[in-house]
Amino acid sequence: LQGMAARINSLEKPEYDIGEVLPLNLSDIEVHPQVRRPISKESVKGLASTIKREGQRQPVEVYQKDGRFVLVSGERRYRALQQLGRDIVEAKIVAEPTSAELVYLQLTENTEHEPLTVIEIAQAVKALFALNETGQTISVNLNLGGRDVASRLRKIGEGSEQLHALFYDHGISDQRLLYSLAQLEDRWPSTFKRLYPDIVDRSLGRAEVTSWLNHLKENGEETGE
């Protein structure tokens, strides 16, 4: 009986035309994780104030699947309406994107509102490689300037939270330095751990870390560190 009820419920929700804009219940929309860090409370609060004053000026974008709607873009608007206690959101029906297309769409939308950090881009590039996108394709679509840049960003994206904390908590934003540190962490984690305090206090910069990498490539990591 439960299966029959679910089937009937899905039949009650029609398929809508691509491009159609309609009011939807917020509760009928699934929100998948973004490629970036959670949207800041300040950003949502500011947009909520604008919507309260001017209304929702632009629909969110969703696709329909199995009787539900899945958010493609517009999470800030979705969160702002939730904060205002609203139940309804204006939504535009779009075709279901591939997993890779969804990442590209999220990156494009986020960049329009707030620049992505190097770590957020790196983690998105990592996700795209995992979806079998090539470095060349990623570089062209994200305007990175070359597939080598995409490979460096993937390496940074594969790094640990400790590596990413060098950017978020300690303001180290040099992409080449972060790439060198990602290599160091991956191949010689003990040395990375030992050098970490000096990296945090800026005693070691790009040149010093490069020297360490060259030394380790030639001599290996000393035991007992």
N, C-alpha and C. Protein backbone atom coordinates (compact mmCIF):
# COMPACT_ATOMS: atom_id res chain seq x y z
N LEU A 1 0.82 -1.22 0.00
CA LEU A 1 0.00 0.00 0.00
C LEU A 1 0.85 1.27 0.00
N GLN A 2 1.97 1.23 0.74
CA GLN A 2 2.84 2.41 0.77
C GLN A 2 3.41 2.70 -0.60
N GLY A 3 3.78 1.61 -1.31
CA GLY A 3 4.31 1.81 -2.66
C GLY A 3 3.27 2.38 -3.59
N MET A 4 2.04 1.92 -3.49
CA MET A 4 0.95 2.44 -4.31
C MET A 4 0.69 3.91 -3.99
N ALA A 5 0.74 4.27 -2.71
CA ALA A 5 0.51 5.66 -2.31
C ALA A 5 1.58 6.57 -2.87
N ALA A 6 2.83 6.10 -2.85
CA ALA A 6 3.93 6.90 -3.39
C ALA A 6 3.76 7.09 -4.89
N ARG A 7 3.30 6.02 -5.56
CA ARG A 7 3.08 6.09 -7.01
C ARG A 7 1.98 7.10 -7.34
N ILE A 8 0.89 7.06 -6.60
CA ILE A 8 -0.21 7.99 -6.82
C ILE A 8 0.25 9.42 -6.56
N ASN A 9 1.04 9.59 -5.50
CA ASN A 9 1.53 10.92 -5.15
C ASN A 9 2.37 11.50 -6.27
N SER A 10 3.23 10.65 -6.87
CA SER A 10 4.08 11.14 -7.96
C SER A 10 3.26 11.50 -9.19
N LEU A 11 2.18 10.75 -9.43
CA LEU A 11 1.34 11.04 -10.58
C LEU A 11 0.59 12.35 -10.42
N GLU A 12 0.39 12.77 -9.18
CA GLU A 12 -0.33 14.01 -8.93
C GLU A 12 0.53 15.24 -9.22
N LYS A 13 1.83 15.02 -9.41
CA LYS A 13 2.73 16.14 -9.67
C LYS A 13 3.14 16.09 -11.14
N PRO A 14 2.62 16.96 -11.96
CA PRO A 14 2.88 16.89 -13.40
C PRO A 14 4.29 17.32 -13.75
N GLU A 15 4.72 16.90 -14.93
CA GLU A 15 5.98 17.38 -15.46
C GLU A 15 5.75 18.77 -16.06
N TYR A 16 6.59 19.71 -15.74
CA TYR A 16 6.43 21.07 -16.24
C TYR A 16 7.36 21.30 -17.42
N ASP A 17 7.02 22.29 -18.22
CA ASP A 17 7.81 22.61 -19.40
C ASP A 17 9.09 23.33 -19.00
N ILE A 18 10.17 23.04 -19.74
CA ILE A 18 11.43 23.74 -19.52
C ILE A 18 11.22 25.23 -19.79
N GLY A 19 11.67 26.05 -18.89
CA GLY A 19 11.51 27.50 -19.03
C GLY A 19 10.30 28.06 -18.31
N GLU A 20 9.40 27.18 -17.87
CA GLU A 20 8.21 27.62 -17.16
C GLU A 20 8.58 28.16 -15.78
N VAL A 21 7.97 29.27 -15.40
CA VAL A 21 8.18 29.87 -14.08
C VAL A 21 6.90 29.72 -13.27
N LEU A 22 7.01 29.19 -12.07
CA LEU A 22 5.82 28.93 -11.26
C LEU A 22 6.16 29.02 -9.78
N PRO A 23 5.14 29.25 -8.94
CA PRO A 23 5.37 29.27 -7.50
C PRO A 23 5.47 27.84 -6.95
N LEU A 24 6.48 27.61 -6.12
CA LEU A 24 6.66 26.30 -5.51
C LEU A 24 6.79 26.44 -4.00
N ASN A 25 6.38 25.39 -3.31
CA ASN A 25 6.61 25.36 -1.88
C ASN A 25 8.10 25.11 -1.62
N LEU A 26 8.66 25.86 -0.70
CA LEU A 26 10.06 25.65 -0.35
C LEU A 26 10.30 24.21 0.10
N SER A 27 9.32 23.64 0.77
CA SER A 27 9.46 22.28 1.29
C SER A 27 9.51 21.23 0.19
N ASP A 28 9.12 21.59 -1.04
CA ASP A 28 9.16 20.65 -2.15
C ASP A 28 10.48 20.66 -2.90
N ILE A 29 11.42 21.50 -2.44
CA ILE A 29 12.69 21.67 -3.15
C ILE A 29 13.83 21.06 -2.34
N GLU A 30 14.60 20.21 -3.01
CA GLU A 30 15.80 19.63 -2.39
C GLU A 30 16.99 20.52 -2.69
N VAL A 31 17.81 20.74 -1.68
CA VAL A 31 19.01 21.56 -1.84
C VAL A 31 20.23 20.67 -1.62
N HIS A 32 21.03 20.51 -2.66
CA HIS A 32 22.23 19.70 -2.57
C HIS A 32 23.41 20.57 -2.14
N PRO A 33 24.46 19.98 -1.58
CA PRO A 33 25.63 20.77 -1.15
C PRO A 33 26.24 21.57 -2.29
N GLN A 34 26.65 22.78 -1.97
CA GLN A 34 27.33 23.64 -2.94
C GLN A 34 28.81 23.27 -3.00
N VAL A 35 29.47 23.76 -4.04
CA VAL A 35 30.90 23.51 -4.17
C VAL A 35 31.71 24.45 -3.29
N ARG A 36 31.06 25.44 -2.72
CA ARG A 36 31.77 26.40 -1.88
C ARG A 36 31.39 26.19 -0.43
N ARG A 37 32.06 26.92 0.44
CA ARG A 37 31.72 26.89 1.85
C ARG A 37 30.28 27.36 2.04
N PRO A 38 29.66 27.01 3.17
CA PRO A 38 28.28 27.46 3.40
C PRO A 38 28.14 28.97 3.21
N ILE A 39 27.01 29.37 2.64
CA ILE A 39 26.75 30.79 2.42
C ILE A 39 26.72 31.51 3.75
N SER A 40 27.36 32.66 3.81
CA SER A 40 27.47 33.38 5.07
C SER A 40 26.11 33.89 5.55
N LYS A 41 25.94 33.93 6.87
CA LYS A 41 24.70 34.43 7.45
C LYS A 41 24.48 35.89 7.08
N GLU A 42 25.57 36.66 7.00
CA GLU A 42 25.47 38.08 6.66
C GLU A 42 24.92 38.26 5.24
N SER A 43 25.40 37.40 4.32
CA SER A 43 24.94 37.47 2.94
C SER A 43 23.45 37.16 2.83
N VAL A 44 23.02 36.13 3.54
CA VAL A 44 21.60 35.75 3.52
C VAL A 44 20.76 36.84 4.16
N LYS A 45 21.23 37.39 5.26
CA LYS A 45 20.48 38.44 5.97
C LYS A 45 20.31 39.67 5.09
N GLY A 46 21.37 40.05 4.37
CA GLY A 46 21.28 41.20 3.48
C GLY A 46 20.30 40.99 2.35
N LEU A 47 20.32 39.79 1.77
CA LEU A 47 19.38 39.49 0.68
C LEU A 47 17.96 39.42 1.20
N ALA A 48 17.78 38.89 2.41
CA ALA A 48 16.44 38.82 2.99
C ALA A 48 15.85 40.21 3.16
N SER A 49 16.67 41.16 3.56
CA SER A 49 16.20 42.54 3.70
C SER A 49 15.76 43.11 2.36
N THR A 50 16.53 42.79 1.31
CA THR A 50 16.19 43.28 -0.03
C THR A 50 14.88 42.65 -0.51
N ILE A 51 14.72 41.34 -0.31
CA ILE A 51 13.50 40.67 -0.74
C ILE A 51 12.30 41.19 0.04
N LYS A 52 12.47 41.44 1.31
CA LYS A 52 11.36 41.96 2.13
C LYS A 52 10.92 43.32 1.62
N ARG A 53 11.87 44.10 1.14
CA ARG A 53 11.59 45.45 0.67
C ARG A 53 11.09 45.47 -0.77
N GLU A 54 11.69 44.63 -1.63
CA GLU A 54 11.43 44.72 -3.07
C GLU A 54 10.77 43.47 -3.66
N GLY A 55 10.68 42.40 -2.87
CA GLY A 55 10.15 41.16 -3.40
C GLY A 55 11.23 40.34 -4.08
N GLN A 56 10.89 39.12 -4.44
CA GLN A 56 11.84 38.24 -5.13
C GLN A 56 11.90 38.65 -6.60
N ARG A 57 13.02 39.22 -7.00
CA ARG A 57 13.13 39.77 -8.34
C ARG A 57 13.54 38.74 -9.40
N GLN A 58 14.15 37.66 -8.97
CA GLN A 58 14.65 36.66 -9.91
C GLN A 58 14.31 35.26 -9.39
N PRO A 59 13.77 34.40 -10.26
CA PRO A 59 13.41 33.05 -9.79
C PRO A 59 14.64 32.20 -9.53
N VAL A 60 14.51 31.25 -8.63
CA VAL A 60 15.54 30.23 -8.50
C VAL A 60 15.37 29.26 -9.66
N GLU A 61 16.34 28.42 -9.90
CA GLU A 61 16.24 27.44 -10.98
C GLU A 61 16.23 26.03 -10.39
N VAL A 62 15.31 25.23 -10.88
CA VAL A 62 15.16 23.86 -10.38
C VAL A 62 14.90 22.92 -11.56
N TYR A 63 15.19 21.64 -11.35
CA TYR A 63 14.73 20.63 -12.29
C TYR A 63 13.88 19.63 -11.53
N GLN A 64 13.02 18.96 -12.27
CA GLN A 64 12.08 18.03 -11.64
C GLN A 64 12.57 16.60 -11.80
N LYS A 65 12.50 15.86 -10.70
CA LYS A 65 12.93 14.47 -10.74
C LYS A 65 12.17 13.67 -9.69
N ASP A 66 11.52 12.62 -10.15
CA ASP A 66 10.78 11.71 -9.26
C ASP A 66 9.77 12.45 -8.38
N GLY A 67 9.06 13.39 -8.99
CA GLY A 67 8.02 14.11 -8.25
C GLY A 67 8.54 15.17 -7.31
N ARG A 68 9.85 15.41 -7.31
CA ARG A 68 10.45 16.44 -6.45
C ARG A 68 11.16 17.45 -7.33
N PHE A 69 11.53 18.57 -6.72
CA PHE A 69 12.29 19.59 -7.43
C PHE A 69 13.66 19.71 -6.78
N VAL A 70 14.69 19.82 -7.60
CA VAL A 70 16.07 19.91 -7.11
C VAL A 70 16.63 21.26 -7.51
N LEU A 71 17.18 21.96 -6.54
CA LEU A 71 17.72 23.30 -6.79
C LEU A 71 18.99 23.24 -7.61
N VAL A 72 19.04 24.06 -8.65
CA VAL A 72 20.23 24.19 -9.48
C VAL A 72 20.98 25.46 -9.12
N SER A 73 20.25 26.57 -9.03
CA SER A 73 20.88 27.84 -8.65
C SER A 73 19.87 28.68 -7.88
N GLY A 74 20.39 29.54 -7.01
CA GLY A 74 19.52 30.41 -6.23
C GLY A 74 19.44 30.04 -4.77
N GLU A 75 20.47 29.40 -4.25
CA GLU A 75 20.39 28.97 -2.84
C GLU A 75 20.32 30.17 -1.89
N ARG A 76 20.99 31.26 -2.23
CA ARG A 76 20.92 32.45 -1.36
C ARG A 76 19.48 32.95 -1.26
N ARG A 77 18.79 32.97 -2.40
CA ARG A 77 17.38 33.39 -2.39
C ARG A 77 16.53 32.41 -1.59
N TYR A 78 16.80 31.13 -1.77
CA TYR A 78 16.07 30.09 -1.04
C TYR A 78 16.26 30.29 0.47
N ARG A 79 17.49 30.48 0.92
CA ARG A 79 17.77 30.66 2.35
C ARG A 79 17.17 31.96 2.88
N ALA A 80 17.20 33.00 2.05
CA ALA A 80 16.65 34.29 2.47
C ALA A 80 15.14 34.19 2.68
N LEU A 81 14.46 33.50 1.78
CA LEU A 81 13.02 33.32 1.93
C LEU A 81 12.69 32.47 3.16
N GLN A 82 13.50 31.47 3.43
CA GLN A 82 13.33 30.69 4.66
C GLN A 82 13.47 31.59 5.88
N GLN A 83 14.47 32.46 5.86
CA GLN A 83 14.70 33.34 6.99
C GLN A 83 13.53 34.29 7.21
N LEU A 84 12.88 34.68 6.14
CA LEU A 84 11.72 35.56 6.23
C LEU A 84 10.45 34.82 6.63
N GLY A 85 10.52 33.50 6.72
CA GLY A 85 9.35 32.72 7.08
C GLY A 85 8.39 32.51 5.93
N ARG A 86 8.87 32.69 4.72
CA ARG A 86 8.00 32.51 3.55
C ARG A 86 7.88 31.01 3.22
N ASP A 87 6.79 30.64 2.58
CA ASP A 87 6.57 29.25 2.19
C ASP A 87 6.73 29.03 0.69
N ILE A 88 6.62 30.13 -0.08
CA ILE A 88 6.58 30.03 -1.54
C ILE A 88 7.78 30.73 -2.17
N VAL A 89 8.32 30.12 -3.21
CA VAL A 89 9.41 30.71 -3.98
C VAL A 89 9.06 30.63 -5.46
N GLU A 90 9.36 31.69 -6.20
CA GLU A 90 9.20 31.66 -7.65
C GLU A 90 10.36 30.87 -8.23
N ALA A 91 10.04 29.87 -9.06
CA ALA A 91 11.07 28.98 -9.57
C ALA A 91 10.93 28.79 -11.08
N LYS A 92 12.05 28.69 -11.74
CA LYS A 92 12.08 28.43 -13.19
C LYS A 92 12.52 26.99 -13.40
N ILE A 93 11.79 26.26 -14.24
CA ILE A 93 12.10 24.88 -14.53
C ILE A 93 13.20 24.82 -15.60
N VAL A 94 14.26 24.08 -15.32
CA VAL A 94 15.35 23.92 -16.29
C VAL A 94 15.58 22.43 -16.51
N ALA A 95 16.32 22.12 -17.56
CA ALA A 95 16.65 20.72 -17.83
C ALA A 95 17.61 20.20 -16.76
N GLU A 96 17.50 18.92 -16.47
CA GLU A 96 18.39 18.33 -15.48
C GLU A 96 19.84 18.37 -15.98
N PRO A 97 20.73 19.01 -15.25
CA PRO A 97 22.13 19.07 -15.69
C PRO A 97 22.87 17.79 -15.33
N THR A 98 23.97 17.55 -16.01
CA THR A 98 24.86 16.48 -15.57
C THR A 98 25.55 16.93 -14.28
N SER A 99 26.19 16.02 -13.61
CA SER A 99 26.88 16.36 -12.36
C SER A 99 27.95 17.42 -12.61
N ALA A 100 28.68 17.28 -13.72
CA ALA A 100 29.72 18.26 -14.05
C ALA A 100 29.10 19.62 -14.38
N GLU A 101 28.02 19.62 -15.16
CA GLU A 101 27.35 20.87 -15.50
C GLU A 101 26.87 21.59 -14.24
N LEU A 102 26.40 20.82 -13.26
CA LEU A 102 25.92 21.42 -12.02
C LEU A 102 27.05 22.14 -11.29
N VAL A 103 28.23 21.55 -11.27
CA VAL A 103 29.38 22.20 -10.64
C VAL A 103 29.72 23.50 -11.35
N TYR A 104 29.75 23.46 -12.68
CA TYR A 104 30.05 24.67 -13.46
C TYR A 104 29.01 25.75 -13.20
N LEU A 105 27.73 25.37 -13.17
CA LEU A 105 26.65 26.33 -12.93
C LEU A 105 26.78 26.97 -11.55
N GLN A 106 27.08 26.16 -10.54
CA GLN A 106 27.23 26.70 -9.19
C GLN A 106 28.40 27.66 -9.11
N LEU A 107 29.50 27.32 -9.78
CA LEU A 107 30.66 28.21 -9.77
C LEU A 107 30.34 29.54 -10.43
N THR A 108 29.65 29.48 -11.57
CA THR A 108 29.30 30.70 -12.29
C THR A 108 28.39 31.59 -11.46
N GLU A 109 27.38 30.98 -10.85
CA GLU A 109 26.44 31.77 -10.04
C GLU A 109 27.14 32.38 -8.84
N ASN A 110 27.97 31.60 -8.15
CA ASN A 110 28.64 32.09 -6.95
C ASN A 110 29.60 33.22 -7.26
N THR A 111 30.30 33.12 -8.40
CA THR A 111 31.24 34.17 -8.76
C THR A 111 30.54 35.49 -9.01
N GLU A 112 29.30 35.44 -9.50
CA GLU A 112 28.55 36.67 -9.75
C GLU A 112 28.23 37.41 -8.45
N HIS A 113 28.05 36.67 -7.35
CA HIS A 113 27.67 37.29 -6.09
C HIS A 113 28.86 37.59 -5.18
N GLU A 114 29.80 36.69 -5.16
CA GLU A 114 30.91 36.78 -4.22
C GLU A 114 32.05 35.96 -4.78
N PRO A 115 33.25 36.56 -4.92
CA PRO A 115 34.37 35.81 -5.51
C PRO A 115 34.65 34.52 -4.76
N LEU A 116 34.93 33.47 -5.51
CA LEU A 116 35.29 32.20 -4.91
C LEU A 116 36.73 32.27 -4.40
N THR A 117 37.00 31.58 -3.32
CA THR A 117 38.36 31.51 -2.81
C THR A 117 39.16 30.49 -3.61
N VAL A 118 40.48 30.55 -3.51
CA VAL A 118 41.32 29.60 -4.22
C VAL A 118 41.03 28.17 -3.74
N ILE A 119 40.69 28.01 -2.46
CA ILE A 119 40.40 26.66 -1.95
C ILE A 119 39.07 26.16 -2.51
N GLU A 120 38.07 27.03 -2.60
CA GLU A 120 36.78 26.63 -3.16
C GLU A 120 36.93 26.23 -4.62
N ILE A 121 37.72 27.00 -5.38
CA ILE A 121 37.95 26.65 -6.78
C ILE A 121 38.71 25.34 -6.87
N ALA A 122 39.69 25.17 -5.99
CA ALA A 122 40.49 23.94 -5.99
C ALA A 122 39.63 22.72 -5.69
N GLN A 123 38.73 22.84 -4.74
CA GLN A 123 37.87 21.70 -4.41
C GLN A 123 36.87 21.42 -5.53
N ALA A 124 36.43 22.47 -6.22
CA ALA A 124 35.55 22.27 -7.37
C ALA A 124 36.29 21.57 -8.50
N VAL A 125 37.54 21.99 -8.74
CA VAL A 125 38.35 21.35 -9.77
C VAL A 125 38.58 19.88 -9.44
N LYS A 126 38.86 19.60 -8.18
CA LYS A 126 39.00 18.20 -7.73
C LYS A 126 37.74 17.41 -8.05
N ALA A 127 36.57 17.99 -7.75
CA ALA A 127 35.29 17.31 -8.01
C ALA A 127 35.10 17.07 -9.51
N LEU A 128 35.50 18.04 -10.33
CA LEU A 128 35.33 17.90 -11.78
C LEU A 128 36.24 16.82 -12.34
N PHE A 129 37.47 16.74 -11.84
CA PHE A 129 38.35 15.65 -12.28
C PHE A 129 37.74 14.30 -11.91
N ALA A 130 37.14 14.23 -10.72
CA ALA A 130 36.51 12.98 -10.28
C ALA A 130 35.33 12.61 -11.16
N LEU A 131 34.75 13.61 -11.85
CA LEU A 131 33.63 13.37 -12.77
C LEU A 131 34.12 13.16 -14.20
N ASN A 132 35.43 12.91 -14.33
CA ASN A 132 36.07 12.58 -15.62
C ASN A 132 36.17 13.75 -16.58
N GLU A 133 36.09 14.97 -16.05
CA GLU A 133 36.39 16.14 -16.87
C GLU A 133 37.91 16.23 -17.05
N THR A 134 38.35 16.61 -18.24
CA THR A 134 39.79 16.72 -18.48
C THR A 134 40.31 18.07 -18.00
N GLY A 135 41.62 18.13 -17.76
CA GLY A 135 42.22 19.39 -17.33
C GLY A 135 42.01 20.49 -18.34
N GLN A 136 42.07 20.13 -19.64
CA GLN A 136 41.86 21.13 -20.69
C GLN A 136 40.45 21.67 -20.66
N THR A 137 39.46 20.78 -20.52
CA THR A 137 38.06 21.20 -20.47
C THR A 137 37.79 22.08 -19.26
N ILE A 138 38.30 21.67 -18.11
CA ILE A 138 38.12 22.46 -16.89
C ILE A 138 38.75 23.83 -17.04
N SER A 139 39.96 23.86 -17.58
CA SER A 139 40.67 25.12 -17.74
C SER A 139 39.91 26.08 -18.65
N VAL A 140 39.37 25.56 -19.75
CA VAL A 140 38.62 26.41 -20.69
C VAL A 140 37.32 26.91 -20.05
N ASN A 141 36.58 26.00 -19.43
CA ASN A 141 35.28 26.37 -18.86
C ASN A 141 35.40 27.34 -17.68
N LEU A 142 36.48 27.21 -16.93
CA LEU A 142 36.67 28.09 -15.76
C LEU A 142 37.66 29.21 -16.03
N ASN A 143 38.15 29.28 -17.28
CA ASN A 143 39.08 30.35 -17.67
C ASN A 143 40.29 30.39 -16.73
N LEU A 144 40.93 29.24 -16.57
CA LEU A 144 42.05 29.12 -15.63
C LEU A 144 43.39 29.49 -16.24
N GLY A 145 43.47 29.46 -17.58
CA GLY A 145 44.73 29.85 -18.20
C GLY A 145 45.64 28.69 -18.55
N GLY A 146 45.16 27.47 -18.47
CA GLY A 146 45.97 26.32 -18.86
C GLY A 146 45.65 25.10 -18.03
N ARG A 147 45.84 23.91 -18.63
CA ARG A 147 45.51 22.68 -17.91
C ARG A 147 46.46 22.43 -16.75
N ASP A 148 47.70 22.99 -16.83
CA ASP A 148 48.63 22.84 -15.71
C ASP A 148 48.08 23.52 -14.47
N VAL A 149 47.39 24.64 -14.67
CA VAL A 149 46.77 25.35 -13.54
C VAL A 149 45.69 24.46 -12.93
N ALA A 150 44.91 23.80 -13.77
CA ALA A 150 43.86 22.91 -13.27
C ALA A 150 44.46 21.78 -12.45
N SER A 151 45.59 21.24 -12.91
CA SER A 151 46.25 20.15 -12.17
C SER A 151 46.77 20.63 -10.83
N ARG A 152 47.33 21.84 -10.80
CA ARG A 152 47.81 22.39 -9.53
C ARG A 152 46.65 22.60 -8.56
N LEU A 153 45.55 23.13 -9.08
CA LEU A 153 44.39 23.37 -8.23
C LEU A 153 43.81 22.06 -7.71
N ARG A 154 43.81 21.01 -8.54
CA ARG A 154 43.31 19.72 -8.06
C ARG A 154 44.16 19.25 -6.88
N LYS A 155 45.48 19.43 -6.98
CA LYS A 155 46.36 19.00 -5.90
C LYS A 155 46.05 19.76 -4.62
N ILE A 156 45.80 21.05 -4.72
CA ILE A 156 45.43 21.85 -3.55
C ILE A 156 44.09 21.36 -2.99
N GLY A 157 43.14 21.08 -3.90
CA GLY A 157 41.83 20.62 -3.47
C GLY A 157 41.88 19.28 -2.74
N GLU A 158 42.87 18.46 -3.07
CA GLU A 158 43.02 17.15 -2.43
C GLU A 158 43.68 17.25 -1.06
N GLY A 159 44.16 18.44 -0.72
CA GLY A 159 44.84 18.62 0.56
C GLY A 159 43.91 18.48 1.75
N SER A 160 44.51 18.39 2.93
CA SER A 160 43.75 18.21 4.16
C SER A 160 43.17 19.53 4.65
N GLU A 161 42.33 19.43 5.68
CA GLU A 161 41.78 20.63 6.31
C GLU A 161 42.90 21.49 6.90
N GLN A 162 43.96 20.84 7.36
CA GLN A 162 45.09 21.57 7.91
C GLN A 162 45.76 22.42 6.84
N LEU A 163 45.90 21.86 5.65
CA LEU A 163 46.45 22.64 4.54
C LEU A 163 45.53 23.80 4.20
N HIS A 164 44.24 23.53 4.08
CA HIS A 164 43.28 24.58 3.71
C HIS A 164 43.18 25.65 4.79
N ALA A 165 43.47 25.28 6.03
CA ALA A 165 43.45 26.26 7.12
C ALA A 165 44.54 27.31 6.95
N LEU A 166 45.60 26.99 6.22
CA LEU A 166 46.64 27.98 5.96
C LEU A 166 46.06 29.16 5.20
N PHE A 167 45.07 28.89 4.36
CA PHE A 167 44.38 29.98 3.65
C PHE A 167 43.32 30.62 4.52
N TYR A 168 42.40 29.81 5.04
CA TYR A 168 41.25 30.35 5.76
C TYR A 168 41.62 31.01 7.08
N ASP A 169 42.56 30.43 7.81
CA ASP A 169 42.88 30.92 9.15
C ASP A 169 44.14 31.77 9.21
N HIS A 170 45.02 31.62 8.21
CA HIS A 170 46.30 32.31 8.29
C HIS A 170 46.61 33.18 7.08
N GLY A 171 45.66 33.28 6.15
CA GLY A 171 45.78 34.24 5.06
C GLY A 171 46.82 33.94 4.01
N ILE A 172 47.25 32.70 3.89
CA ILE A 172 48.23 32.34 2.86
C ILE A 172 47.47 32.05 1.57
N SER A 173 47.59 32.93 0.60
CA SER A 173 46.78 32.84 -0.62
C SER A 173 47.59 32.61 -1.89
N ASP A 174 48.92 32.57 -1.77
CA ASP A 174 49.78 32.33 -2.92
C ASP A 174 49.50 30.92 -3.47
N GLN A 175 48.94 30.86 -4.67
CA GLN A 175 48.52 29.57 -5.22
C GLN A 175 49.70 28.63 -5.42
N ARG A 176 50.84 29.15 -5.87
CA ARG A 176 52.00 28.30 -6.09
C ARG A 176 52.57 27.78 -4.77
N LEU A 177 52.51 28.62 -3.74
CA LEU A 177 52.96 28.16 -2.43
C LEU A 177 52.03 27.07 -1.90
N LEU A 178 50.74 27.27 -2.04
CA LEU A 178 49.78 26.26 -1.58
C LEU A 178 49.97 24.95 -2.35
N TYR A 179 50.28 25.05 -3.63
CA TYR A 179 50.53 23.84 -4.43
C TYR A 179 51.77 23.11 -3.92
N SER A 180 52.84 23.87 -3.65
CA SER A 180 54.06 23.25 -3.12
C SER A 180 53.80 22.59 -1.77
N LEU A 181 53.02 23.25 -0.94
CA LEU A 181 52.69 22.70 0.37
C LEU A 181 51.81 21.45 0.23
N ALA A 182 50.94 21.44 -0.78
CA ALA A 182 50.11 20.25 -1.02
C ALA A 182 50.98 19.07 -1.43
N GLN A 183 52.00 19.34 -2.26
CA GLN A 183 52.95 18.28 -2.63
C GLN A 183 53.71 17.79 -1.40
N LEU A 184 54.15 18.73 -0.58
CA LEU A 184 54.89 18.38 0.63
C LEU A 184 54.05 17.52 1.56
N GLU A 185 52.79 17.93 1.76
CA GLU A 185 51.91 17.18 2.64
C GLU A 185 51.64 15.78 2.10
N ASP A 186 51.49 15.67 0.80
CA ASP A 186 51.15 14.39 0.19
C ASP A 186 52.31 13.40 0.25
N ARG A 187 53.51 13.88 -0.07
CA ARG A 187 54.65 12.96 -0.20
C ARG A 187 55.48 12.83 1.06
N TRP A 188 55.54 13.92 1.82
CA TRP A 188 56.38 13.91 3.03
C TRP A 188 55.60 14.53 4.19
N PRO A 189 54.56 13.84 4.65
CA PRO A 189 53.67 14.41 5.67
C PRO A 189 54.37 14.75 6.99
N SER A 190 55.39 13.97 7.37
CA SER A 190 56.09 14.27 8.62
C SER A 190 56.82 15.61 8.55
N THR A 191 57.45 15.86 7.41
CA THR A 191 58.14 17.14 7.23
C THR A 191 57.13 18.28 7.17
N PHE A 192 56.03 18.05 6.49
CA PHE A 192 54.97 19.07 6.44
C PHE A 192 54.51 19.43 7.84
N LYS A 193 54.29 18.42 8.65
CA LYS A 193 53.83 18.66 10.03
C LYS A 193 54.88 19.41 10.83
N ARG A 194 56.15 19.06 10.63
CA ARG A 194 57.22 19.71 11.39
C ARG A 194 57.41 21.17 10.98
N LEU A 195 57.22 21.44 9.69
CA LEU A 195 57.42 22.80 9.18
C LEU A 195 56.20 23.69 9.35
N TYR A 196 55.07 23.10 9.67
CA TYR A 196 53.81 23.83 9.70
C TYR A 196 53.86 25.11 10.54
N PRO A 197 54.39 25.08 11.76
CA PRO A 197 54.43 26.32 12.55
C PRO A 197 55.22 27.44 11.88
N ASP A 198 56.31 27.07 11.19
CA ASP A 198 57.12 28.09 10.50
C ASP A 198 56.38 28.64 9.27
N ILE A 199 55.55 27.80 8.67
CA ILE A 199 54.74 28.27 7.54
C ILE A 199 53.68 29.24 8.04
N VAL A 200 53.08 28.90 9.16
CA VAL A 200 52.03 29.76 9.73
C VAL A 200 52.56 31.14 10.08
N ASP A 201 53.75 31.19 10.68
CA ASP A 201 54.27 32.51 11.09
C ASP A 201 55.09 33.19 9.99
N ARG A 202 55.03 32.62 8.78
CA ARG A 202 55.64 33.20 7.58
C ARG A 202 57.17 33.15 7.60
N SER A 203 57.75 32.31 8.45
CA SER A 203 59.21 32.15 8.42
C SER A 203 59.64 31.42 7.15
N LEU A 204 58.74 30.60 6.62
CA LEU A 204 59.00 29.89 5.38
C LEU A 204 58.04 30.38 4.31
N GLY A 205 58.60 30.81 3.19
CA GLY A 205 57.78 31.24 2.06
C GLY A 205 57.93 30.29 0.90
N ARG A 206 57.55 30.76 -0.30
CA ARG A 206 57.57 29.88 -1.46
C ARG A 206 58.97 29.37 -1.77
N ALA A 207 59.98 30.26 -1.72
CA ALA A 207 61.34 29.85 -2.06
C ALA A 207 61.87 28.79 -1.09
N GLU A 208 61.61 28.99 0.19
CA GLU A 208 62.09 28.03 1.20
C GLU A 208 61.40 26.68 1.06
N VAL A 209 60.10 26.70 0.81
CA VAL A 209 59.37 25.45 0.65
C VAL A 209 59.83 24.71 -0.61
N THR A 210 60.11 25.46 -1.69
CA THR A 210 60.65 24.85 -2.91
C THR A 210 62.00 24.21 -2.64
N SER A 211 62.83 24.87 -1.86
CA SER A 211 64.13 24.29 -1.50
C SER A 211 63.96 22.99 -0.72
N TRP A 212 62.99 22.98 0.20
CA TRP A 212 62.71 21.76 0.96
C TRP A 212 62.26 20.64 0.03
N LEU A 213 61.41 20.96 -0.93
CA LEU A 213 60.93 19.95 -1.87
C LEU A 213 62.10 19.37 -2.67
N ASN A 214 62.96 20.23 -3.15
CA ASN A 214 64.11 19.76 -3.93
C ASN A 214 65.01 18.88 -3.07
N HIS A 215 65.22 19.30 -1.83
CA HIS A 215 66.05 18.51 -0.91
C HIS A 215 65.43 17.13 -0.67
N LEU A 216 64.14 17.10 -0.44
CA LEU A 216 63.47 15.83 -0.15
C LEU A 216 63.44 14.91 -1.37
N LYS A 217 63.30 15.49 -2.55
CA LYS A 217 63.31 14.68 -3.77
C LYS A 217 64.66 14.01 -3.96
N GLU A 218 65.73 14.70 -3.57
CA GLU A 218 67.08 14.17 -3.75
C GLU A 218 67.49 13.23 -2.61
N ASN A 219 67.06 13.56 -1.39
CA ASN A 219 67.58 12.84 -0.23
C ASN A 219 66.53 12.04 0.54
N GLY A 220 65.26 12.26 0.23
CA GLY A 220 64.21 11.57 0.96
C GLY A 220 63.98 12.21 2.34
N GLU A 221 63.02 11.68 3.04
CA GLU A 221 62.66 12.21 4.36
C GLU A 221 63.47 11.49 5.43
N GLU A 222 64.05 12.28 6.32
CA GLU A 222 64.86 11.66 7.39
C GLU A 222 63.96 10.88 8.33
N THR A 223 64.46 9.76 8.77
CA THR A 223 63.70 8.96 9.73
C THR A 223 63.80 9.57 11.11
N GLY A 224 62.77 9.30 11.91
CA GLY A 224 62.79 9.81 13.30
C GLY A 224 62.24 11.20 13.44
N GLU A 225 61.75 11.82 12.33
CA GLU A 225 61.16 13.15 12.41
C GLU A 225 59.75 13.04 12.92
